[in-house]
Amino acid sequence: MRVTRGFKGNKASLPSKPCAVCGRPMSWRRTWAKNWDDVRYCSEACRRRRAKAP
């Protein structure tokens, strides 16, 4: 018997928001469930490119 993991619903209904650096839409991920309000960047590359506060 094969056990599969993952989301088996309609992914279009998941919340999304734009990346603070590049503006690409980010879809909700299970790993971000606890801190979805704090997620601002779509990738580690965008996190490194963010504007540094002087």
PDB file of N, CA and C in Angstrom:
ATOM      1  N   MET A   1       0.838  -1.182   0.000  1.00  0.00           N
ATOM      2  CA  MET A   1       0.000   0.000   0.000  1.00  0.00           C
ATOM      3  C   MET A   1       0.882   1.244   0.000  1.00  0.00           C
ATOM      4  N   ARG A   2       0.580   2.162  -0.881  1.00  0.00           N
ATOM      5  CA  ARG A   2       1.372   3.375  -1.015  1.00  0.00           C
ATOM      6  C   ARG A   2       0.726   4.515  -0.242  1.00  0.00           C
ATOM      7  N   VAL A   3       1.519   5.185   0.579  1.00  0.00           N
ATOM      8  CA  VAL A   3       1.018   6.306   1.358  1.00  0.00           C
ATOM      9  C   VAL A   3       1.511   7.589   0.707  1.00  0.00           C
ATOM     10  N   THR A   4       0.570   8.471   0.367  1.00  0.00           N
ATOM     11  CA  THR A   4       0.946   9.747  -0.228  1.00  0.00           C
ATOM     12  C   THR A   4       0.636  10.860   0.741  1.00  0.00           C
ATOM     13  N   ARG A   5       1.440  11.900   0.683  1.00  0.00           N
ATOM     14  CA  ARG A   5       1.232  13.065   1.534  1.00  0.00           C
ATOM     15  C   ARG A   5       1.043  14.272   0.647  1.00  0.00           C
ATOM     16  N   GLY A   6       0.422  15.270   1.188  1.00  0.00           N
ATOM     17  CA  GLY A   6       0.266  16.498   0.429  1.00  0.00           C
ATOM     18  C   GLY A   6      -1.171  16.952   0.356  1.00  0.00           C
ATOM     19  N   PHE A   7      -1.342  18.072  -0.264  1.00  0.00           N
ATOM     20  CA  PHE A   7      -2.652  18.700  -0.390  1.00  0.00           C
ATOM     21  C   PHE A   7      -3.415  18.058  -1.530  1.00  0.00           C
ATOM     22  N   LYS A   8      -4.647  17.669  -1.262  1.00  0.00           N
ATOM     23  CA  LYS A   8      -5.447  17.015  -2.287  1.00  0.00           C
ATOM     24  C   LYS A   8      -6.716  17.797  -2.600  1.00  0.00           C
ATOM     25  N   GLY A   9      -6.689  19.093  -2.394  1.00  0.00           N
ATOM     26  CA  GLY A   9      -7.868  19.903  -2.647  1.00  0.00           C
ATOM     27  C   GLY A   9      -7.645  20.872  -3.786  1.00  0.00           C
ATOM     28  N   ASN A  10      -8.440  21.904  -3.814  1.00  0.00           N
ATOM     29  CA  ASN A  10      -8.357  22.917  -4.850  1.00  0.00           C
ATOM     30  C   ASN A  10      -7.329  23.975  -4.453  1.00  0.00           C
ATOM     31  N   LYS A  11      -6.172  23.967  -5.081  1.00  0.00           N
ATOM     32  CA  LYS A  11      -5.104  24.892  -4.722  1.00  0.00           C
ATOM     33  C   LYS A  11      -5.433  26.330  -5.096  1.00  0.00           C
ATOM     34  N   ALA A  12      -6.349  26.530  -6.019  1.00  0.00           N
ATOM     35  CA  ALA A  12      -6.741  27.879  -6.398  1.00  0.00           C
ATOM     36  C   ALA A  12      -7.478  28.590  -5.265  1.00  0.00           C
ATOM     37  N   SER A  13      -8.035  27.840  -4.334  1.00  0.00           N
ATOM     38  CA  SER A  13      -8.780  28.449  -3.238  1.00  0.00           C
ATOM     39  C   SER A  13      -7.893  28.817  -2.051  1.00  0.00           C
ATOM     40  N   LEU A  14      -6.596  28.487  -2.113  1.00  0.00           N
ATOM     41  CA  LEU A  14      -5.685  28.834  -1.032  1.00  0.00           C
ATOM     42  C   LEU A  14      -5.380  30.328  -1.077  1.00  0.00           C
ATOM     43  N   PRO A  15      -5.124  30.935   0.091  1.00  0.00           N
ATOM     44  CA  PRO A  15      -4.809  32.365   0.087  1.00  0.00           C
ATOM     45  C   PRO A  15      -3.453  32.629  -0.567  1.00  0.00           C
ATOM     46  N   SER A  16      -3.291  33.829  -1.085  1.00  0.00           N
ATOM     47  CA  SER A  16      -2.013  34.223  -1.667  1.00  0.00           C
ATOM     48  C   SER A  16      -1.786  35.698  -1.379  1.00  0.00           C
ATOM     49  N   LYS A  17      -0.529  36.122  -1.507  1.00  0.00           N
ATOM     50  CA  LYS A  17      -0.174  37.525  -1.342  1.00  0.00           C
ATOM     51  C   LYS A  17       1.112  37.785  -2.106  1.00  0.00           C
ATOM     52  N   PRO A  18       1.394  39.053  -2.455  1.00  0.00           N
ATOM     53  CA  PRO A  18       2.581  39.351  -3.258  1.00  0.00           C
ATOM     54  C   PRO A  18       3.851  39.389  -2.404  1.00  0.00           C
ATOM     55  N   CYS A  19       4.963  39.053  -3.016  1.00  0.00           N
ATOM     56  CA  CYS A  19       6.273  39.146  -2.382  1.00  0.00           C
ATOM     57  C   CYS A  19       6.603  40.625  -2.209  1.00  0.00           C
ATOM     58  N   ALA A  20       7.215  40.992  -1.083  1.00  0.00           N
ATOM     59  CA  ALA A  20       7.540  42.384  -0.803  1.00  0.00           C
ATOM     60  C   ALA A  20       8.647  42.920  -1.698  1.00  0.00           C
ATOM     61  N   VAL A  21       9.453  42.055  -2.308  1.00  0.00           N
ATOM     62  CA  VAL A  21      10.566  42.498  -3.144  1.00  0.00           C
ATOM     63  C   VAL A  21      10.225  42.442  -4.629  1.00  0.00           C
ATOM     64  N   CYS A  22       9.836  41.273  -5.119  1.00  0.00           N
ATOM     65  CA  CYS A  22       9.637  41.100  -6.563  1.00  0.00           C
ATOM     66  C   CYS A  22       8.178  41.225  -6.981  1.00  0.00           C
ATOM     67  N   GLY A  23       7.241  41.124  -6.059  1.00  0.00           N
ATOM     68  CA  GLY A  23       5.833  41.278  -6.380  1.00  0.00           C
ATOM     69  C   GLY A  23       5.151  40.015  -6.900  1.00  0.00           C
ATOM     70  N   ARG A  24       5.886  38.910  -7.010  1.00  0.00           N
ATOM     71  CA  ARG A  24       5.268  37.652  -7.461  1.00  0.00           C
ATOM     72  C   ARG A  24       4.270  37.158  -6.424  1.00  0.00           C
ATOM     73  N   PRO A  25       3.187  36.547  -6.873  1.00  0.00           N
ATOM     74  CA  PRO A  25       2.222  36.011  -5.902  1.00  0.00           C
ATOM     75  C   PRO A  25       2.766  34.772  -5.207  1.00  0.00           C
ATOM     76  N   MET A  26       2.605  34.716  -3.893  1.00  0.00           N
ATOM     77  CA  MET A  26       3.017  33.556  -3.105  1.00  0.00           C
ATOM     78  C   MET A  26       1.756  32.848  -2.648  1.00  0.00           C
ATOM     79  N   SER A  27       1.677  31.565  -2.861  1.00  0.00           N
ATOM     80  CA  SER A  27       0.543  30.781  -2.390  1.00  0.00           C
ATOM     81  C   SER A  27       0.840  30.244  -0.998  1.00  0.00           C
ATOM     82  N   TRP A  28      -0.203  30.075  -0.221  1.00  0.00           N
ATOM     83  CA  TRP A  28      -0.086  29.559   1.128  1.00  0.00           C
ATOM     84  C   TRP A  28       0.545  28.180   1.120  1.00  0.00           C
ATOM     85  N   ARG A  29       1.421  27.921   2.057  1.00  0.00           N
ATOM     86  CA  ARG A  29       2.060  26.613   2.208  1.00  0.00           C
ATOM     87  C   ARG A  29       1.861  26.118   3.630  1.00  0.00           C
ATOM     88  N   ARG A  30       1.811  24.837   3.777  1.00  0.00           N
ATOM     89  CA  ARG A  30       1.604  24.250   5.096  1.00  0.00           C
ATOM     90  C   ARG A  30       2.706  24.663   6.073  1.00  0.00           C
ATOM     91  N   THR A  31       3.944  24.788   5.578  1.00  0.00           N
ATOM     92  CA  THR A  31       5.047  25.179   6.461  1.00  0.00           C
ATOM     93  C   THR A  31       4.902  26.613   6.956  1.00  0.00           C
ATOM     94  N   TRP A  32       4.123  27.434   6.244  1.00  0.00           N
ATOM     95  CA  TRP A  32       3.891  28.809   6.655  1.00  0.00           C
ATOM     96  C   TRP A  32       2.600  28.959   7.454  1.00  0.00           C
ATOM     97  N   ALA A  33       1.945  27.889   7.805  1.00  0.00           N
ATOM     98  CA  ALA A  33       0.629  27.954   8.452  1.00  0.00           C
ATOM     99  C   ALA A  33       0.652  28.749   9.756  1.00  0.00           C
ATOM    100  N   LYS A  34       1.675  28.560  10.568  1.00  0.00           N
ATOM    101  CA  LYS A  34       1.727  29.225  11.872  1.00  0.00           C
ATOM    102  C   LYS A  34       2.112  30.691  11.784  1.00  0.00           C
ATOM    103  N   ASN A  35       2.803  31.093  10.707  1.00  0.00           N
ATOM    104  CA  ASN A  35       3.244  32.482  10.613  1.00  0.00           C
ATOM    105  C   ASN A  35       2.935  33.106   9.256  1.00  0.00           C
ATOM    106  N   TRP A  36       1.808  32.775   8.669  1.00  0.00           N
ATOM    107  CA  TRP A  36       1.436  33.292   7.350  1.00  0.00           C
ATOM    108  C   TRP A  36       1.402  34.821   7.331  1.00  0.00           C
ATOM    109  N   ASP A  37       0.980  35.452   8.417  1.00  0.00           N
ATOM    110  CA  ASP A  37       0.916  36.913   8.466  1.00  0.00           C
ATOM    111  C   ASP A  37       2.306  37.550   8.438  1.00  0.00           C
ATOM    112  N   ASP A  38       3.329  36.821   8.879  1.00  0.00           N
ATOM    113  CA  ASP A  38       4.691  37.341   8.931  1.00  0.00           C
ATOM    114  C   ASP A  38       5.504  37.041   7.679  1.00  0.00           C
ATOM    115  N   VAL A  39       5.027  36.169   6.805  1.00  0.00           N
ATOM    116  CA  VAL A  39       5.757  35.813   5.582  1.00  0.00           C
ATOM    117  C   VAL A  39       5.716  36.996   4.628  1.00  0.00           C
ATOM    118  N   ARG A  40       6.907  37.459   4.196  1.00  0.00           N
ATOM    119  CA  ARG A  40       6.975  38.630   3.323  1.00  0.00           C
ATOM    120  C   ARG A  40       7.704  38.354   2.017  1.00  0.00           C
ATOM    121  N   TYR A  41       8.538  37.331   1.968  1.00  0.00           N
ATOM    122  CA  TYR A  41       9.382  37.077   0.807  1.00  0.00           C
ATOM    123  C   TYR A  41       9.100  35.705   0.219  1.00  0.00           C
ATOM    124  N   CYS A  42       9.162  35.612  -1.115  1.00  0.00           N
ATOM    125  CA  CYS A  42       8.845  34.354  -1.787  1.00  0.00           C
ATOM    126  C   CYS A  42      10.014  33.377  -1.767  1.00  0.00           C
ATOM    127  N   SER A  43      11.224  33.874  -1.581  1.00  0.00           N
ATOM    128  CA  SER A  43      12.391  33.003  -1.623  1.00  0.00           C
ATOM    129  C   SER A  43      13.522  33.583  -0.782  1.00  0.00           C
ATOM    130  N   GLU A  44      14.533  32.788  -0.592  1.00  0.00           N
ATOM    131  CA  GLU A  44      15.711  33.248   0.135  1.00  0.00           C
ATOM    132  C   GLU A  44      16.437  34.336  -0.659  1.00  0.00           C
ATOM    133  N   ALA A  45      16.401  34.256  -1.987  1.00  0.00           N
ATOM    134  CA  ALA A  45      17.022  35.284  -2.829  1.00  0.00           C
ATOM    135  C   ALA A  45      16.359  36.645  -2.605  1.00  0.00           C
ATOM    136  N   CYS A  46      15.042  36.675  -2.534  1.00  0.00           N
ATOM    137  CA  CYS A  46      14.336  37.936  -2.285  1.00  0.00           C
ATOM    138  C   CYS A  46      14.609  38.441  -0.874  1.00  0.00           C
ATOM    139  N   ARG A  47      14.738  37.546   0.067  1.00  0.00           N
ATOM    140  CA  ARG A  47      15.060  37.947   1.441  1.00  0.00           C
ATOM    141  C   ARG A  47      16.420  38.647   1.480  1.00  0.00           C
ATOM    142  N   ARG A  48      17.383  38.154   0.699  1.00  0.00           N
ATOM    143  CA  ARG A  48      18.711  38.767   0.655  1.00  0.00           C
ATOM    144  C   ARG A  48      18.694  40.110  -0.077  1.00  0.00           C
ATOM    145  N   ARG A  49      17.784  40.278  -1.046  1.00  0.00           N
ATOM    146  CA  ARG A  49      17.703  41.507  -1.836  1.00  0.00           C
ATOM    147  C   ARG A  49      16.847  42.590  -1.190  1.00  0.00           C
ATOM    148  N   ARG A  50      16.240  42.313  -0.059  1.00  0.00           N
ATOM    149  CA  ARG A  50      15.349  43.297   0.557  1.00  0.00           C
ATOM    150  C   ARG A  50      16.111  44.577   0.871  1.00  0.00           C
ATOM    151  N   ALA A  51      15.372  45.659   0.944  1.00  0.00           N
ATOM    152  CA  ALA A  51      15.980  46.965   1.236  1.00  0.00           C
ATOM    153  C   ALA A  51      16.471  46.981   2.666  1.00  0.00           C
ATOM    154  N   LYS A  52      17.702  47.304   2.829  1.00  0.00           N
ATOM    155  CA  LYS A  52      18.289  47.384   4.175  1.00  0.00           C
ATOM    156  C   LYS A  52      17.948  48.729   4.793  1.00  0.00           C
ATOM    157  N   ALA A  53      17.494  48.712   6.026  1.00  0.00           N
ATOM    158  CA  ALA A  53      17.182  49.951   6.730  1.00  0.00           C
ATOM    159  C   ALA A  53      18.487  50.582   7.247  1.00  0.00           C
ATOM    160  N   PRO A  54      18.698  51.880   6.994  1.00  0.00           N
ATOM    161  CA  PRO A  54      19.951  52.503   7.447  1.00  0.00           C
ATOM    162  C   PRO A  54      19.975  52.711   8.939  1.00  0.00           C
TER     163      PRO A  54
END
